[in-house]
């Protein structure tokens, strides 16, 4: 019985930590659209973002309960690192008339929704 309980606790611990890791992506964002990372319930995560476009992009934090804060403008070929709190999305805005591209390296809770919005 003691071994069964130990095995159960260990299995739960491994499963609950499985969303913590890393992911790497090159993401393309259409003109005047945004890419939203983490618009769902999740833990904290950190993003290292490089703007590989030839124009500025803007990133903001957006709690899933509403609102935005901490806007950052990222100029071409610059890299920033931002930490998103639990249940807070990172919105990458492309306000130009050209396609934008960003390299992303995400660590922490990677059980994040990903999508585009106009």
PDB file of N, CA and C in Angstrom:
ATOM      1  N   UNK A   1       0.823  -1.192   0.000  1.00  0.00           N
ATOM      2  CA  UNK A   1       0.000   0.000   0.000  1.00  0.00           C
ATOM      3  C   UNK A   1       0.870   1.260   0.000  1.00  0.00           C
ATOM      4  N   UNK A   2       1.939   1.253   0.831  1.00  0.00           N
ATOM      5  CA  UNK A   2       2.825   2.415   0.896  1.00  0.00           C
ATOM      6  C   UNK A   2       3.495   2.672  -0.453  1.00  0.00           C
ATOM      7  N   UNK A   3       3.929   1.593  -1.150  1.00  0.00           N
ATOM      8  CA  UNK A   3       4.524   1.742  -2.476  1.00  0.00           C
ATOM      9  C   UNK A   3       3.521   2.295  -3.476  1.00  0.00           C
ATOM     10  N   UNK A   4       2.280   1.862  -3.387  1.00  0.00           N
ATOM     11  CA  UNK A   4       1.241   2.349  -4.309  1.00  0.00           C
ATOM     12  C   UNK A   4       1.015   3.841  -4.120  1.00  0.00           C
ATOM     13  N   UNK A   5       0.982   4.289  -2.870  1.00  0.00           N
ATOM     14  CA  UNK A   5       0.787   5.716  -2.597  1.00  0.00           C
ATOM     15  C   UNK A   5       1.995   6.514  -3.078  1.00  0.00           C
ATOM     16  N   UNK A   6       3.188   6.015  -2.816  1.00  0.00           N
ATOM     17  CA  UNK A   6       4.406   6.701  -3.276  1.00  0.00           C
ATOM     18  C   UNK A   6       4.421   6.811  -4.795  1.00  0.00           C
ATOM     19  N   UNK A   7       4.044   5.731  -5.471  1.00  0.00           N
ATOM     20  CA  UNK A   7       4.009   5.738  -6.938  1.00  0.00           C
ATOM     21  C   UNK A   7       2.985   6.740  -7.443  1.00  0.00           C
ATOM     22  N   UNK A   8       1.814   6.797  -6.813  1.00  0.00           N
ATOM     23  CA  UNK A   8       0.768   7.736  -7.202  1.00  0.00           C
ATOM     24  C   UNK A   8       1.239   9.180  -7.032  1.00  0.00           C
ATOM     25  N   UNK A   9       1.828   9.491  -5.893  1.00  0.00           N
ATOM     26  CA  UNK A   9       2.320  10.855  -5.636  1.00  0.00           C
ATOM     27  C   UNK A   9       3.401  11.229  -6.649  1.00  0.00           C
ATOM     28  N   UNK A  10       4.316  10.314  -6.924  1.00  0.00           N
ATOM     29  CA  UNK A  10       5.379  10.576  -7.896  1.00  0.00           C
ATOM     30  C   UNK A  10       4.793  10.811  -9.284  1.00  0.00           C
ATOM     31  N   UNK A  11       3.808  10.010  -9.678  1.00  0.00           N
ATOM     32  CA  UNK A  11       3.173  10.153 -10.994  1.00  0.00           C
ATOM     33  C   UNK A  11       2.471  11.499 -11.130  1.00  0.00           C
ATOM     34  N   UNK A  12       1.773  11.914 -10.086  1.00  0.00           N
ATOM     35  CA  UNK A  12       1.097  13.211 -10.105  1.00  0.00           C
ATOM     36  C   UNK A  12       2.117  14.342 -10.207  1.00  0.00           C
ATOM     37  N   UNK A  13       3.206  14.248  -9.462  1.00  0.00           N
ATOM     38  CA  UNK A  13       4.243  15.281  -9.504  1.00  0.00           C
ATOM     39  C   UNK A  13       4.846  15.384 -10.899  1.00  0.00           C
ATOM     40  N   UNK A  14       5.146  14.262 -11.526  1.00  0.00           N
ATOM     41  CA  UNK A  14       5.725  14.276 -12.880  1.00  0.00           C
ATOM     42  C   UNK A  14       4.733  14.854 -13.877  1.00  0.00           C
ATOM     43  N   UNK A  15       3.472  14.447 -13.794  1.00  0.00           N
ATOM     44  CA  UNK A  15       2.445  14.935 -14.722  1.00  0.00           C
ATOM     45  C   UNK A  15       2.231  16.431 -14.564  1.00  0.00           C
ATOM     46  N   UNK A  16       2.178  16.923 -13.329  1.00  0.00           N
ATOM     47  CA  UNK A  16       1.923  18.346 -13.112  1.00  0.00           C
ATOM     48  C   UNK A  16       3.083  19.209 -13.588  1.00  0.00           C
ATOM     49  N   UNK A  17       4.279  18.668 -13.629  1.00  0.00           N
ATOM     50  CA  UNK A  17       5.437  19.432 -14.086  1.00  0.00           C
ATOM     51  C   UNK A  17       5.675  19.299 -15.581  1.00  0.00           C
ATOM     52  N   UNK A  18       4.905  18.459 -16.240  1.00  0.00           N
ATOM     53  CA  UNK A  18       5.178  18.211 -17.660  1.00  0.00           C
ATOM     54  C   UNK A  18       4.918  19.420 -18.534  1.00  0.00           C
ATOM     55  N   UNK A  19       4.112  20.396 -18.074  1.00  0.00           N
ATOM     56  CA  UNK A  19       3.876  21.592 -18.877  1.00  0.00           C
ATOM     57  C   UNK A  19       5.027  22.580 -18.747  1.00  0.00           C
ATOM     58  N   UNK A  20       5.940  22.340 -17.811  1.00  0.00           N
ATOM     59  CA  UNK A  20       7.070  23.233 -17.638  1.00  0.00           C
ATOM     60  C   UNK A  20       8.227  22.726 -18.474  1.00  0.00           C
ATOM     61  N   UNK A  21       8.708  23.541 -19.380  1.00  0.00           N
ATOM     62  CA  UNK A  21       9.783  23.162 -20.273  1.00  0.00           C
ATOM     63  C   UNK A  21      10.158  24.366 -21.102  1.00  0.00           C
ATOM     64  N   UNK A  22      10.368  24.136 -22.390  1.00  0.00           N
ATOM     65  CA  UNK A  22      10.688  25.256 -23.270  1.00  0.00           C
ATOM     66  C   UNK A  22      10.147  24.975 -24.661  1.00  0.00           C
ATOM     67  N   UNK A  23       9.972  26.032 -25.407  1.00  0.00           N
ATOM     68  CA  UNK A  23       9.609  25.914 -26.812  1.00  0.00           C
ATOM     69  C   UNK A  23      10.286  27.030 -27.580  1.00  0.00           C
ATOM     70  N   UNK A  24      10.583  26.734 -28.831  1.00  0.00           N
ATOM     71  CA  UNK A  24      11.249  27.687 -29.715  1.00  0.00           C
ATOM     72  C   UNK A  24      10.397  27.836 -30.965  1.00  0.00           C
ATOM     73  N   UNK A  25      10.245  29.068 -31.442  1.00  0.00           N
ATOM     74  CA  UNK A  25       9.406  29.305 -32.610  1.00  0.00           C
ATOM     75  C   UNK A  25       9.870  30.541 -33.358  1.00  0.00           C
ATOM     76  N   UNK A  26       9.727  30.495 -34.679  1.00  0.00           N
ATOM     77  CA  UNK A  26       9.799  31.704 -35.496  1.00  0.00           C
ATOM     78  C   UNK A  26       8.365  31.969 -35.914  1.00  0.00           C
ATOM     79  N   UNK A  27       7.826  33.099 -35.481  1.00  0.00           N
ATOM     80  CA  UNK A  27       6.417  33.409 -35.695  1.00  0.00           C
ATOM     81  C   UNK A  27       6.276  34.587 -36.635  1.00  0.00           C
ATOM     82  N   UNK A  28       5.402  34.427 -37.621  1.00  0.00           N
ATOM     83  CA  UNK A  28       5.109  35.466 -38.601  1.00  0.00           C
ATOM     84  C   UNK A  28       3.758  36.081 -38.259  1.00  0.00           C
ATOM     85  N   UNK A  29       3.702  37.406 -38.309  1.00  0.00           N
ATOM     86  CA  UNK A  29       2.472  38.128 -37.979  1.00  0.00           C
ATOM     87  C   UNK A  29       2.103  39.007 -39.167  1.00  0.00           C
ATOM     88  N   UNK A  30       0.889  38.833 -39.667  1.00  0.00           N
ATOM     89  CA  UNK A  30       0.413  39.617 -40.811  1.00  0.00           C
ATOM     90  C   UNK A  30       0.338  41.101 -40.458  1.00  0.00           C
ATOM     91  N   UNK A  31       0.328  41.962 -41.487  1.00  0.00           N
ATOM     92  CA  UNK A  31       0.207  43.404 -41.243  1.00  0.00           C
ATOM     93  C   UNK A  31      -1.043  43.730 -40.420  1.00  0.00           C
ATOM     94  N   UNK A  32      -0.898  44.629 -39.472  1.00  0.00           N
ATOM     95  CA  UNK A  32      -1.975  45.120 -38.623  1.00  0.00           C
ATOM     96  C   UNK A  32      -2.700  44.014 -37.852  1.00  0.00           C
ATOM     97  N   UNK A  33      -1.976  42.945 -37.511  1.00  0.00           N
ATOM     98  CA  UNK A  33      -2.512  41.884 -36.674  1.00  0.00           C
ATOM     99  C   UNK A  33      -1.605  41.691 -35.459  1.00  0.00           C
ATOM    100  N   UNK A  34      -2.068  40.874 -34.531  1.00  0.00           N
ATOM    101  CA  UNK A  34      -1.299  40.564 -33.328  1.00  0.00           C
ATOM    102  C   UNK A  34      -1.243  39.057 -33.133  1.00  0.00           C
ATOM    103  N   UNK A  35      -0.173  38.614 -32.480  1.00  0.00           N
ATOM    104  CA  UNK A  35      -0.047  37.222 -32.060  1.00  0.00           C
ATOM    105  C   UNK A  35      -0.174  37.213 -30.550  1.00  0.00           C
ATOM    106  N   UNK A  36      -1.058  36.357 -30.028  1.00  0.00           N
ATOM    107  CA  UNK A  36      -1.334  36.316 -28.597  1.00  0.00           C
ATOM    108  C   UNK A  36      -0.861  34.973 -28.039  1.00  0.00           C
ATOM    109  N   UNK A  37       0.028  35.037 -27.071  1.00  0.00           N
ATOM    110  CA  UNK A  37       0.601  33.854 -26.441  1.00  0.00           C
ATOM    111  C   UNK A  37       0.141  33.786 -24.992  1.00  0.00           C
ATOM    112  N   UNK A  38      -0.642  32.767 -24.657  1.00  0.00           N
ATOM    113  CA  UNK A  38      -1.034  32.565 -23.266  1.00  0.00           C
ATOM    114  C   UNK A  38      -2.350  33.181 -22.856  1.00  0.00           C
ATOM    115  N   UNK A  39      -3.301  33.267 -23.764  1.00  0.00           N
ATOM    116  CA  UNK A  39      -4.613  33.817 -23.413  1.00  0.00           C
ATOM    117  C   UNK A  39      -5.498  32.704 -22.827  1.00  0.00           C
ATOM    118  N   UNK A  40      -4.982  32.050 -21.801  1.00  0.00           N
ATOM    119  CA  UNK A  40      -5.660  30.960 -21.105  1.00  0.00           C
ATOM    120  C   UNK A  40      -5.117  30.886 -19.683  1.00  0.00           C
ATOM    121  N   UNK A  41      -5.704  30.030 -18.858  1.00  0.00           N
ATOM    122  CA  UNK A  41      -5.180  29.863 -17.499  1.00  0.00           C
ATOM    123  C   UNK A  41      -3.854  29.116 -17.565  1.00  0.00           C
ATOM    124  N   UNK A  42      -2.829  29.673 -16.914  1.00  0.00           N
ATOM    125  CA  UNK A  42      -1.490  29.073 -16.936  1.00  0.00           C
ATOM    126  C   UNK A  42      -0.652  29.663 -15.810  1.00  0.00           C
ATOM    127  N   UNK A  43       0.515  29.058 -15.598  1.00  0.00           N
ATOM    128  CA  UNK A  43       1.474  29.582 -14.635  1.00  0.00           C
ATOM    129  C   UNK A  43       2.349  30.641 -15.290  1.00  0.00           C
ATOM    130  N   UNK A  44       3.400  31.046 -14.600  1.00  0.00           N
ATOM    131  CA  UNK A  44       4.310  32.058 -15.146  1.00  0.00           C
ATOM    132  C   UNK A  44       5.147  31.466 -16.273  1.00  0.00           C
ATOM    133  N   UNK A  45       5.549  32.328 -17.190  1.00  0.00           N
ATOM    134  CA  UNK A  45       6.456  31.934 -18.263  1.00  0.00           C
ATOM    135  C   UNK A  45       7.332  33.121 -18.636  1.00  0.00           C
ATOM    136  N   UNK A  46       8.461  32.820 -19.255  1.00  0.00           N
ATOM    137  CA  UNK A  46       9.402  33.852 -19.681  1.00  0.00           C
ATOM    138  C   UNK A  46       9.616  33.701 -21.182  1.00  0.00           C
ATOM    139  N   UNK A  47       9.692  34.834 -21.883  1.00  0.00           N
ATOM    140  CA  UNK A  47       9.889  34.834 -23.321  1.00  0.00           C
ATOM    141  C   UNK A  47      11.112  35.671 -23.681  1.00  0.00           C
ATOM    142  N   UNK A  48      12.014  35.057 -24.428  1.00  0.00           N
ATOM    143  CA  UNK A  48      13.115  35.788 -25.042  1.00  0.00           C
ATOM    144  C   UNK A  48      12.670  35.999 -26.487  1.00  0.00           C
ATOM    145  N   UNK A  49      12.460  37.248 -26.865  1.00  0.00           N
ATOM    146  CA  UNK A  49      11.903  37.600 -28.168  1.00  0.00           C
ATOM    147  C   UNK A  49      12.895  38.437 -28.949  1.00  0.00           C
ATOM    148  N   UNK A  50      13.163  38.034 -30.188  1.00  0.00           N
ATOM    149  CA  UNK A  50      14.002  38.831 -31.082  1.00  0.00           C
ATOM    150  C   UNK A  50      13.145  39.289 -32.245  1.00  0.00           C
ATOM    151  N   UNK A  51      13.165  40.585 -32.510  1.00  0.00           N
ATOM    152  CA  UNK A  51      12.443  41.146 -33.653  1.00  0.00           C
ATOM    153  C   UNK A  51      13.317  40.971 -34.891  1.00  0.00           C
ATOM    154  N   UNK A  52      12.938  40.053 -35.772  1.00  0.00           N
ATOM    155  CA  UNK A  52      13.705  39.821 -36.997  1.00  0.00           C
ATOM    156  C   UNK A  52      13.024  40.476 -38.202  1.00  0.00           C
ATOM    157  N   UNK A  53      12.168  41.446 -37.928  1.00  0.00           N
ATOM    158  CA  UNK A  53      11.512  42.238 -38.972  1.00  0.00           C
ATOM    159  C   UNK A  53      12.372  43.457 -39.300  1.00  0.00           C
ATOM    160  N   UNK A  54      11.951  44.201 -40.309  1.00  0.00           N
ATOM    161  CA  UNK A  54      12.675  45.427 -40.641  1.00  0.00           C
ATOM    162  C   UNK A  54      11.939  46.668 -40.127  1.00  0.00           C
ATOM    163  N   UNK A  55      11.034  46.463 -39.161  1.00  0.00           N
ATOM    164  CA  UNK A  55      10.293  47.573 -38.550  1.00  0.00           C
ATOM    165  C   UNK A  55       9.996  47.223 -37.092  1.00  0.00           C
ATOM    166  N   UNK A  56       9.606  48.240 -36.322  1.00  0.00           N
ATOM    167  CA  UNK A  56       9.306  48.046 -34.905  1.00  0.00           C
ATOM    168  C   UNK A  56       8.087  47.155 -34.707  1.00  0.00           C
ATOM    169  N   UNK A  57       8.083  46.444 -33.584  1.00  0.00           N
ATOM    170  CA  UNK A  57       6.889  45.756 -33.114  1.00  0.00           C
ATOM    171  C   UNK A  57       6.661  46.202 -31.679  1.00  0.00           C
ATOM    172  N   UNK A  58       5.465  45.954 -31.175  1.00  0.00           N
ATOM    173  CA  UNK A  58       5.134  46.327 -29.803  1.00  0.00           C
ATOM    174  C   UNK A  58       4.636  45.078 -29.080  1.00  0.00           C
ATOM    175  N   UNK A  59       5.067  44.922 -27.827  1.00  0.00           N
ATOM    176  CA  UNK A  59       4.543  43.833 -27.015  1.00  0.00           C
ATOM    177  C   UNK A  59       3.901  44.426 -25.766  1.00  0.00           C
ATOM    178  N   UNK A  60       2.803  43.809 -25.321  1.00  0.00           N
ATOM    179  CA  UNK A  60       2.112  44.233 -24.100  1.00  0.00           C
ATOM    180  C   UNK A  60       1.670  42.999 -23.326  1.00  0.00           C
ATOM    181  N   UNK A  61       1.515  43.163 -22.037  1.00  0.00           N
ATOM    182  CA  UNK A  61       0.961  42.123 -21.179  1.00  0.00           C
ATOM    183  C   UNK A  61      -0.549  42.323 -21.129  1.00  0.00           C
ATOM    184  N   UNK A  62      -1.293  41.210 -21.155  1.00  0.00           N
ATOM    185  CA  UNK A  62      -2.752  41.291 -21.146  1.00  0.00           C
ATOM    186  C   UNK A  62      -3.328  40.204 -20.236  1.00  0.00           C
ATOM    187  N   UNK A  63      -3.684  40.562 -19.000  1.00  0.00           N
ATOM    188  CA  UNK A  63      -4.304  39.582 -18.118  1.00  0.00           C
ATOM    189  C   UNK A  63      -5.578  39.014 -18.756  1.00  0.00           C
ATOM    190  N   UNK A  64      -5.852  37.731 -18.522  1.00  0.00           N
ATOM    191  CA  UNK A  64      -7.031  37.135 -19.151  1.00  0.00           C
ATOM    192  C   UNK A  64      -8.321  37.723 -18.589  1.00  0.00           C
ATOM    193  N   UNK A  65      -8.226  38.467 -17.482  1.00  0.00           N
ATOM    194  CA  UNK A  65      -9.394  39.138 -16.913  1.00  0.00           C
ATOM    195  C   UNK A  65      -9.648  40.500 -17.564  1.00  0.00           C
ATOM    196  N   UNK A  66      -8.738  40.953 -18.430  1.00  0.00           N
ATOM    197  CA  UNK A  66      -8.930  42.212 -19.143  1.00  0.00           C
ATOM    198  C   UNK A  66      -7.827  43.222 -18.898  1.00  0.00           C
ATOM    199  N   UNK A  67      -7.715  44.181 -19.831  1.00  0.00           N
ATOM    200  CA  UNK A  67      -6.736  45.251 -19.727  1.00  0.00           C
ATOM    201  C   UNK A  67      -5.380  44.875 -20.299  1.00  0.00           C
ATOM    202  N   UNK A  68      -4.498  45.853 -20.360  1.00  0.00           N
ATOM    203  CA  UNK A  68      -3.117  45.641 -20.812  1.00  0.00           C
ATOM    204  C   UNK A  68      -2.193  46.521 -19.980  1.00  0.00           C
ATOM    205  N   UNK A  69      -0.911  46.127 -19.936  1.00  0.00           N
ATOM    206  CA  UNK A  69       0.076  46.927 -19.231  1.00  0.00           C
ATOM    207  C   UNK A  69       1.475  46.607 -19.755  1.00  0.00           C
ATOM    208  N   UNK A  70       2.440  47.394 -19.348  1.00  0.00           N
ATOM    209  CA  UNK A  70       3.868  47.224 -19.659  1.00  0.00           C
ATOM    210  C   UNK A  70       4.184  47.150 -21.155  1.00  0.00           C
ATOM    211  N   UNK A  71       3.773  48.169 -21.931  1.00  0.00           N
ATOM    212  CA  UNK A  71       4.111  48.134 -23.362  1.00  0.00           C
ATOM    213  C   UNK A  71       5.617  48.302 -23.588  1.00  0.00           C
ATOM    214  N   UNK A  72       6.133  47.556 -24.539  1.00  0.00           N
ATOM    215  CA  UNK A  72       7.546  47.641 -24.921  1.00  0.00           C
ATOM    216  C   UNK A  72       7.612  47.694 -26.439  1.00  0.00           C
ATOM    217  N   UNK A  73       8.348  48.656 -26.971  1.00  0.00           N
ATOM    218  CA  UNK A  73       8.613  48.705 -28.404  1.00  0.00           C
ATOM    219  C   UNK A  73       9.946  48.023 -28.659  1.00  0.00           C
ATOM    220  N   UNK A  74       9.944  47.079 -29.603  1.00  0.00           N
ATOM    221  CA  UNK A  74      11.162  46.332 -29.927  1.00  0.00           C
ATOM    222  C   UNK A  74      11.575  46.709 -31.344  1.00  0.00           C
ATOM    223  N   UNK A  75      12.734  47.338 -31.463  1.00  0.00           N
ATOM    224  CA  UNK A  75      13.216  47.766 -32.769  1.00  0.00           C
ATOM    225  C   UNK A  75      13.821  46.571 -33.510  1.00  0.00           C
ATOM    226  N   UNK A  76      14.006  46.696 -34.819  1.00  0.00           N
ATOM    227  CA  UNK A  76      14.556  45.581 -35.601  1.00  0.00           C
ATOM    228  C   UNK A  76      15.890  45.068 -35.053  1.00  0.00           C
ATOM    229  N   UNK A  77      16.036  43.749 -35.071  1.00  0.00           N
ATOM    230  CA  UNK A  77      17.244  43.028 -34.647  1.00  0.00           C
ATOM    231  C   UNK A  77      17.569  43.143 -33.165  1.00  0.00           C
ATOM    232  N   UNK A  78      16.644  43.631 -32.367  1.00  0.00           N
ATOM    233  CA  UNK A  78      16.852  43.707 -30.918  1.00  0.00           C
ATOM    234  C   UNK A  78      16.154  42.534 -30.238  1.00  0.00           C
ATOM    235  N   UNK A  79      16.699  42.129 -29.095  1.00  0.00           N
ATOM    236  CA  UNK A  79      16.156  41.038 -28.304  1.00  0.00           C
ATOM    237  C   UNK A  79      15.758  41.565 -26.933  1.00  0.00           C
ATOM    238  N   UNK A  80      14.586  41.161 -26.467  1.00  0.00           N
ATOM    239  CA  UNK A  80      14.127  41.501 -25.121  1.00  0.00           C
ATOM    240  C   UNK A  80      13.710  40.216 -24.416  1.00  0.00           C
ATOM    241  N   UNK A  81      13.772  40.232 -23.108  1.00  0.00           N
ATOM    242  CA  UNK A  81      13.277  39.116 -22.310  1.00  0.00           C
ATOM    243  C   UNK A  81      12.212  39.660 -21.380  1.00  0.00           C
ATOM    244  N   UNK A  82      11.044  39.032 -21.397  1.00  0.00           N
ATOM    245  CA  UNK A  82       9.936  39.458 -20.547  1.00  0.00           C
ATOM    246  C   UNK A  82       9.391  38.263 -19.785  1.00  0.00           C
ATOM    247  N   UNK A  83       8.904  38.533 -18.580  1.00  0.00           N
ATOM    248  CA  UNK A  83       8.286  37.493 -17.763  1.00  0.00           C
ATOM    249  C   UNK A  83       6.798  37.792 -17.661  1.00  0.00           C
ATOM    250  N   UNK A  84       5.995  36.798 -17.994  1.00  0.00           N
ATOM    251  CA  UNK A  84       4.544  36.940 -17.891  1.00  0.00           C
ATOM    252  C   UNK A  84       4.071  36.257 -16.617  1.00  0.00           C
ATOM    253  N   UNK A  85       3.246  36.956 -15.892  1.00  0.00           N
ATOM    254  CA  UNK A  85       2.679  36.403 -14.658  1.00  0.00           C
ATOM    255  C   UNK A  85       1.631  35.344 -15.002  1.00  0.00           C
ATOM    256  N   UNK A  86       1.199  34.614 -14.012  1.00  0.00           N
ATOM    257  CA  UNK A  86       0.142  33.619 -14.198  1.00  0.00           C
ATOM    258  C   UNK A  86      -1.089  34.273 -14.824  1.00  0.00           C
ATOM    259  N   UNK A  87      -1.717  33.543 -15.731  1.00  0.00           N
ATOM    260  CA  UNK A  87      -2.967  33.972 -16.371  1.00  0.00           C
ATOM    261  C   UNK A  87      -2.860  35.327 -17.073  1.00  0.00           C
ATOM    262  N   UNK A  88      -1.674  35.619 -17.602  1.00  0.00           N
ATOM    263  CA  UNK A  88      -1.435  36.856 -18.347  1.00  0.00           C
ATOM    264  C   UNK A  88      -0.835  36.504 -19.702  1.00  0.00           C
ATOM    265  N   UNK A  89      -1.448  37.032 -20.748  1.00  0.00           N
ATOM    266  CA  UNK A  89      -0.978  36.772 -22.110  1.00  0.00           C
ATOM    267  C   UNK A  89       0.079  37.798 -22.509  1.00  0.00           C
ATOM    268  N   UNK A  90       0.909  37.396 -23.456  1.00  0.00           N
ATOM    269  CA  UNK A  90       1.853  38.296 -24.098  1.00  0.00           C
ATOM    270  C   UNK A  90       1.303  38.555 -25.496  1.00  0.00           C
ATOM    271  N   UNK A  91       1.030  39.827 -25.788  1.00  0.00           N
ATOM    272  CA  UNK A  91       0.481  40.201 -27.092  1.00  0.00           C
ATOM    273  C   UNK A  91       1.588  40.871 -27.897  1.00  0.00           C
ATOM    274  N   UNK A  92       1.868  40.317 -29.087  1.00  0.00           N
ATOM    275  CA  UNK A  92       2.891  40.863 -29.979  1.00  0.00           C
ATOM    276  C   UNK A  92       2.154  41.550 -31.122  1.00  0.00           C
ATOM    277  N   UNK A  93       2.249  42.877 -31.173  1.00  0.00           N
ATOM    278  CA  UNK A  93       1.474  43.663 -32.127  1.00  0.00           C
ATOM    279  C   UNK A  93       2.323  44.086 -33.319  1.00  0.00           C
ATOM    280  N   UNK A  94       1.785  43.850 -34.505  1.00  0.00           N
ATOM    281  CA  UNK A  94       2.407  44.325 -35.743  1.00  0.00           C
ATOM    282  C   UNK A  94       1.510  45.409 -36.321  1.00  0.00           C
ATOM    283  N   UNK A  95       1.832  46.659 -36.030  1.00  0.00           N
ATOM    284  CA  UNK A  95       1.002  47.773 -36.463  1.00  0.00           C
ATOM    285  C   UNK A  95       1.435  48.334 -37.815  1.00  0.00           C
ATOM    286  N   UNK A  96       2.345  47.638 -38.494  1.00  0.00           N
ATOM    287  CA  UNK A  96       2.828  48.129 -39.788  1.00  0.00           C
ATOM    288  C   UNK A  96       2.009  47.527 -40.933  1.00  0.00           C
ATOM    289  N   UNK A  97       2.315  47.971 -42.122  1.00  0.00           N
ATOM    290  CA  UNK A  97       1.672  47.440 -43.328  1.00  0.00           C
ATOM    291  C   UNK A  97       2.503  46.336 -43.960  1.00  0.00           C
ATOM    292  N   UNK A  98       3.519  45.859 -43.236  1.00  0.00           N
ATOM    293  CA  UNK A  98       4.376  44.768 -43.712  1.00  0.00           C
ATOM    294  C   UNK A  98       4.288  43.589 -42.745  1.00  0.00           C
ATOM    295  N   UNK A  99       4.618  42.414 -43.237  1.00  0.00           N
ATOM    296  CA  UNK A  99       4.651  41.229 -42.386  1.00  0.00           C
ATOM    297  C   UNK A  99       5.766  41.388 -41.352  1.00  0.00           C
ATOM    298  N   UNK A 100       5.500  40.953 -40.127  1.00  0.00           N
ATOM    299  CA  UNK A 100       6.507  40.967 -39.063  1.00  0.00           C
ATOM    300  C   UNK A 100       6.913  39.531 -38.753  1.00  0.00           C
ATOM    301  N   UNK A 101       8.121  39.384 -38.238  1.00  0.00           N
ATOM    302  CA  UNK A 101       8.618  38.069 -37.857  1.00  0.00           C
ATOM    303  C   UNK A 101       9.407  38.205 -36.561  1.00  0.00           C
ATOM    304  N   UNK A 102       9.147  37.278 -35.628  1.00  0.00           N
ATOM    305  CA  UNK A 102       9.848  37.273 -34.351  1.00  0.00           C
ATOM    306  C   UNK A 102      10.335  35.861 -34.043  1.00  0.00           C
ATOM    307  N   UNK A 103      11.500  35.782 -33.428  1.00  0.00           N
ATOM    308  CA  UNK A 103      12.006  34.520 -32.901  1.00  0.00           C
ATOM    309  C   UNK A 103      11.643  34.490 -31.429  1.00  0.00           C
ATOM    310  N   UNK A 104      11.035  33.383 -30.991  1.00  0.00           N
ATOM    311  CA  UNK A 104      10.602  33.248 -29.607  1.00  0.00           C
ATOM    312  C   UNK A 104      11.272  32.053 -28.956  1.00  0.00           C
ATOM    313  N   UNK A 105      11.715  32.237 -27.717  1.00  0.00           N
ATOM    314  CA  UNK A 105      12.189  31.143 -26.889  1.00  0.00           C
ATOM    315  C   UNK A 105      11.430  31.271 -25.578  1.00  0.00           C
ATOM    316  N   UNK A 106      10.552  30.328 -25.311  1.00  0.00           N
ATOM    317  CA  UNK A 106       9.649  30.388 -24.164  1.00  0.00           C
ATOM    318  C   UNK A 106      10.055  29.330 -23.145  1.00  0.00           C
ATOM    319  N   UNK A 107      10.165  29.737 -21.875  1.00  0.00           N
ATOM    320  CA  UNK A 107      10.453  28.799 -20.798  1.00  0.00           C
ATOM    321  C   UNK A 107       9.425  28.985 -19.684  1.00  0.00           C
ATOM    322  N   UNK A 108       9.319  27.992 -18.835  1.00  0.00           N
ATOM    323  CA  UNK A 108       8.334  28.032 -17.754  1.00  0.00           C
ATOM    324  C   UNK A 108       7.134  27.208 -18.156  1.00  0.00           C
ATOM    325  N   UNK A 109       5.947  27.693 -17.844  1.00  0.00           N
ATOM    326  CA  UNK A 109       4.720  26.986 -18.207  1.00  0.00           C
ATOM    327  C   UNK A 109       4.508  27.154 -19.708  1.00  0.00           C
ATOM    328  N   UNK A 110       4.604  26.066 -20.442  1.00  0.00           N
ATOM    329  CA  UNK A 110       4.431  26.139 -21.905  1.00  0.00           C
ATOM    330  C   UNK A 110       3.072  25.589 -22.338  1.00  0.00           C
ATOM    331  N   UNK A 111       2.165  25.413 -21.405  1.00  0.00           N
ATOM    332  CA  UNK A 111       0.802  24.996 -21.744  1.00  0.00           C
ATOM    333  C   UNK A 111      -0.022  26.232 -22.115  1.00  0.00           C
ATOM    334  N   UNK A 112       0.451  26.931 -23.133  1.00  0.00           N
ATOM    335  CA  UNK A 112      -0.096  28.241 -23.497  1.00  0.00           C
ATOM    336  C   UNK A 112      -0.910  28.170 -24.782  1.00  0.00           C
ATOM    337  N   UNK A 113      -2.035  28.880 -24.783  1.00  0.00           N
ATOM    338  CA  UNK A 113      -2.775  29.018 -26.041  1.00  0.00           C
ATOM    339  C   UNK A 113      -1.993  29.959 -26.943  1.00  0.00           C
ATOM    340  N   UNK A 114      -2.167  29.791 -28.245  1.00  0.00           N
ATOM    341  CA  UNK A 114      -1.500  30.637 -29.226  1.00  0.00           C
ATOM    342  C   UNK A 114      -2.490  30.955 -30.329  1.00  0.00           C
ATOM    343  N   UNK A 115      -2.562  32.228 -30.715  1.00  0.00           N
ATOM    344  CA  UNK A 115      -3.488  32.588 -31.772  1.00  0.00           C
ATOM    345  C   UNK A 115      -3.255  33.997 -32.270  1.00  0.00           C
ATOM    346  N   UNK A 116      -3.972  34.331 -33.325  1.00  0.00           N
ATOM    347  CA  UNK A 116      -3.862  35.642 -33.954  1.00  0.00           C
ATOM    348  C   UNK A 116      -5.154  36.417 -33.731  1.00  0.00           C
ATOM    349  N   UNK A 117      -5.045  37.739 -33.717  1.00  0.00           N
ATOM    350  CA  UNK A 117      -6.242  38.591 -33.665  1.00  0.00           C
ATOM    351  C   UNK A 117      -5.993  39.844 -34.490  1.00  0.00           C
ATOM    352  N   UNK A 118      -7.089  40.395 -34.975  1.00  0.00           N
ATOM    353  CA  UNK A 118      -6.997  41.645 -35.772  1.00  0.00           C
ATOM    354  C   UNK A 118      -6.970  42.835 -34.857  1.00  0.00           C
TER     355      UNK A 118
END
